C-alpha atoms as a PDB file:
ATOM      1  CA  MET A   1      -4.364   1.978  -3.787  1.00  0.00           C
ATOM      2  CA  ALA A   2      -3.371   0.941  -7.341  1.00  0.00           C
ATOM      3  CA  TYR A   3       0.302   1.178  -6.445  1.00  0.00           C
ATOM      4  CA  PHE A   4      -0.094  -0.786  -3.210  1.00  0.00           C
ATOM      5  CA  ILE A   5      -1.968  -3.576  -5.100  1.00  0.00           C
ATOM      6  CA  GLY A   6       0.651  -3.529  -7.882  1.00  0.00           C
ATOM      7  CA  GLN A   7       3.558  -4.236  -5.151  1.00  0.00           C
ATOM      8  CA  ARG A   8       1.663  -6.878  -3.493  1.00  0.00           C
ATOM      9  CA  PRO A   9       3.853  -9.769  -2.572  1.00  0.00           C
ATOM     10  CA  THR A  10       3.270 -12.857  -4.486  1.00  0.00           C
ATOM     11  CA  ALA A  11       2.233 -16.141  -2.890  1.00  0.00           C
ATOM     12  CA  GLY A  12       4.671 -18.250  -5.011  1.00  0.00           C
ATOM     13  CA  GLY A  13       7.071 -20.901  -3.778  1.00  0.00           C
ATOM     14  CA  GLU A  14       8.808 -18.783  -1.295  1.00  0.00           C
ATOM     15  CA  LEU A  15       8.328 -19.413   2.357  1.00  0.00           C
ATOM     16  CA  PRO A  16       6.755 -16.505   4.177  1.00  0.00           C
ATOM     17  CA  ARG A  17       9.642 -14.122   5.564  1.00  0.00           C
ATOM     18  CA  ARG A  18       9.150 -13.894   9.357  1.00  0.00           C
ATOM     19  CA  THR A  19      10.596 -11.092  11.546  1.00  0.00           C
ATOM     20  CA  LEU A  20       9.867  -9.550  15.004  1.00  0.00           C
ATOM     21  CA  PHE A  21       7.736  -6.596  15.264  1.00  0.00           C
ATOM     22  CA  ASP A  22       6.969  -5.370  18.855  1.00  0.00           C
ATOM     23  CA  GLY A  23       8.231  -8.510  20.329  1.00  0.00           C
ATOM     24  CA  GLN A  24       6.236 -10.945  18.612  1.00  0.00           C
ATOM     25  CA  ASN A  25       6.474 -12.905  15.323  1.00  0.00           C
ATOM     26  CA  ALA A  26       5.439 -10.804  12.358  1.00  0.00           C
ATOM     27  CA  TYR A  27       4.766 -12.219   8.703  1.00  0.00           C
ATOM     28  CA  PRO A  28       4.971  -9.325   6.393  1.00  0.00           C
ATOM     29  CA  ARG A  29       3.636 -10.943   3.391  1.00  0.00           C
ATOM     30  CA  SER A  30       0.472 -12.007   4.988  1.00  0.00           C
ATOM     31  CA  ALA A  31      -0.095  -8.824   6.796  1.00  0.00           C
ATOM     32  CA  TYR A  32       0.532  -6.986   3.522  1.00  0.00           C
ATOM     33  CA  ARG A  33      -2.335  -8.894   1.965  1.00  0.00           C
ATOM     34  CA  ALA A  34      -4.514  -8.317   5.094  1.00  0.00           C
ATOM     35  CA  PHE A  35      -3.754  -4.551   4.842  1.00  0.00           C
ATOM     36  CA  LEU A  36      -5.097  -4.688   1.082  1.00  0.00           C
ATOM     37  CA  ASN A  37      -8.139  -6.616   1.851  1.00  0.00           C
ATOM     38  CA  ASP A  38      -9.033  -4.275   4.810  1.00  0.00           C
ATOM     39  CA  ALA A  39      -8.424  -1.126   2.753  1.00  0.00           C
ATOM     40  CA  LEU A  40     -10.521  -2.622  -0.310  1.00  0.00           C
ATOM     41  CA  ALA A  41     -13.350  -3.695   1.866  1.00  0.00           C
ATOM     42  CA  ALA A  42     -13.427  -0.156   3.682  1.00  0.00           C
ATOM     43  CA  ALA A  43     -13.523   1.597   0.332  1.00  0.00           C
ATOM     44  CA  ALA A  44     -16.389  -0.615  -0.920  1.00  0.00           C
ATOM     45  CA  ASP A  45     -18.355  -0.076   2.364  1.00  0.00           C
ATOM     46  CA  ARG A  46     -17.300   3.760   2.056  1.00  0.00           C
ATOM     47  CA  THR A  47     -16.054   3.348   5.750  1.00  0.00           C
ATOM     48  CA  LYS A  48     -12.843   4.613   7.471  1.00  0.00           C
ATOM     49  CA  HIS A  49      -9.928   2.456   7.214  1.00  0.00           C
ATOM     50  CA  VAL A  50      -7.707   2.422  10.220  1.00  0.00           C
ATOM     51  CA  VAL A  51      -4.330   1.043   9.357  1.00  0.00           C
ATOM     52  CA  THR A  52      -2.582  -0.874  12.114  1.00  0.00           C
ATOM     53  CA  HIS A  53       0.935  -0.657  13.197  1.00  0.00           C
ATOM     54  CA  ASP A  54       1.360  -4.223  12.174  1.00  0.00           C
ATOM     55  CA  HIS A  55       0.206  -3.435   8.624  1.00  0.00           C
ATOM     56  CA  LEU A  56       2.320  -0.176   8.415  1.00  0.00           C
ATOM     57  CA  PHE A  57       5.424  -2.283   9.543  1.00  0.00           C
ATOM     58  CA  ALA A  58       4.396  -4.865   6.734  1.00  0.00           C
ATOM     59  CA  VAL A  59       4.092  -2.582   4.032  1.00  0.00           C
ATOM     60  CA  PHE A  60       7.116  -0.397   4.547  1.00  0.00           C
ATOM     61  CA  GLU A  61       9.245  -3.649   5.627  1.00  0.00           C
ATOM     62  CA  LEU A  62       8.498  -5.220   2.044  1.00  0.00           C
ATOM     63  CA  LEU A  63       8.521  -2.080   0.122  1.00  0.00           C
ATOM     64  CA  VAL A  64      11.520  -0.103   1.680  1.00  0.00           C
ATOM     65  CA  GLY A  65      13.080  -2.565   4.236  1.00  0.00           C
ATOM     66  CA  SER A  66      15.023  -2.313   7.632  1.00  0.00           C
ATOM     67  CA  MET A  67      12.030  -0.728   9.330  1.00  0.00           C
ATOM     68  CA  PRO A  68      12.440  -0.155  13.097  1.00  0.00           C
ATOM     69  CA  GLY A  69      10.723  -3.414  15.136  1.00  0.00           C
ATOM     70  CA  THR A  70       8.734  -1.392  17.839  1.00  0.00           C
ATOM     71  CA  LYS A  71       5.479   0.676  17.358  1.00  0.00           C
ATOM     72  CA  ALA A  72       7.174   3.696  18.742  1.00  0.00           C
ATOM     73  CA  LYS A  73      10.310   3.680  16.564  1.00  0.00           C
ATOM     74  CA  LEU A  74       8.200   2.918  13.404  1.00  0.00           C
ATOM     75  CA  SER A  75       5.892   5.898  14.226  1.00  0.00           C
ATOM     76  CA  LYS A  76       8.876   8.009  14.806  1.00  0.00           C
ATOM     77  CA  ARG A  77      10.691   6.815  11.658  1.00  0.00           C
ATOM     78  CA  LEU A  78       7.658   7.533   9.432  1.00  0.00           C
ATOM     79  CA  GLY A  79       7.192  11.034  11.218  1.00  0.00           C
ATOM     80  CA  HIS A  80      10.931  11.828   9.903  1.00  0.00           C
ATOM     81  CA  GLN A  81       9.412  11.044   6.516  1.00  0.00           C
ATOM     82  CA  GLY A  82       6.589  13.495   6.709  1.00  0.00           C
ATOM     83  CA  MET A  83       4.006  10.799   7.723  1.00  0.00           C
ATOM     84  CA  GLN A  84       2.206  11.639  10.727  1.00  0.00           C
ATOM     85  CA  ILE A  85       0.564   8.794  12.818  1.00  0.00           C
ATOM     86  CA  ILE A  86      -2.718   9.622  14.502  1.00  0.00           C
ATOM     87  CA  PRO A  87      -4.033   7.321  17.072  1.00  0.00           C
ATOM     88  CA  HIS A  88      -7.645   6.203  16.168  1.00  0.00           C
ATOM     89  CA  THR A  89      -9.871   3.603  17.639  1.00  0.00           C
ATOM     90  CA  LYS A  90     -11.923   0.856  16.016  1.00  0.00           C
ATOM     91  CA  GLY A  91     -14.258  -1.327  17.840  1.00  0.00           C
ATOM     92  CA  GLY A  92     -13.059   0.157  21.155  1.00  0.00           C
ATOM     93  CA  THR A  93      -9.453  -0.490  20.868  1.00  0.00           C
END
């Protein structure tokens, strides 16, 4: 987690970058911060942290760039990099 905390986007004077993900507006900077908040809360509570596609997209879009804009293509691209995406449920979804 230390790496991701060190790479978190700043809230400075830039307007949030907006892009499309799965047909909807996505705000990678705010989604990245939400990912960190969720991960740190899960670690503090010692519970399972399920990372959503929106959060995966935000993290990789900001750190790597040019990520595919759909859930299926994102999962396939990450699979090519050796990252297995496993469906999980959280709160029945």
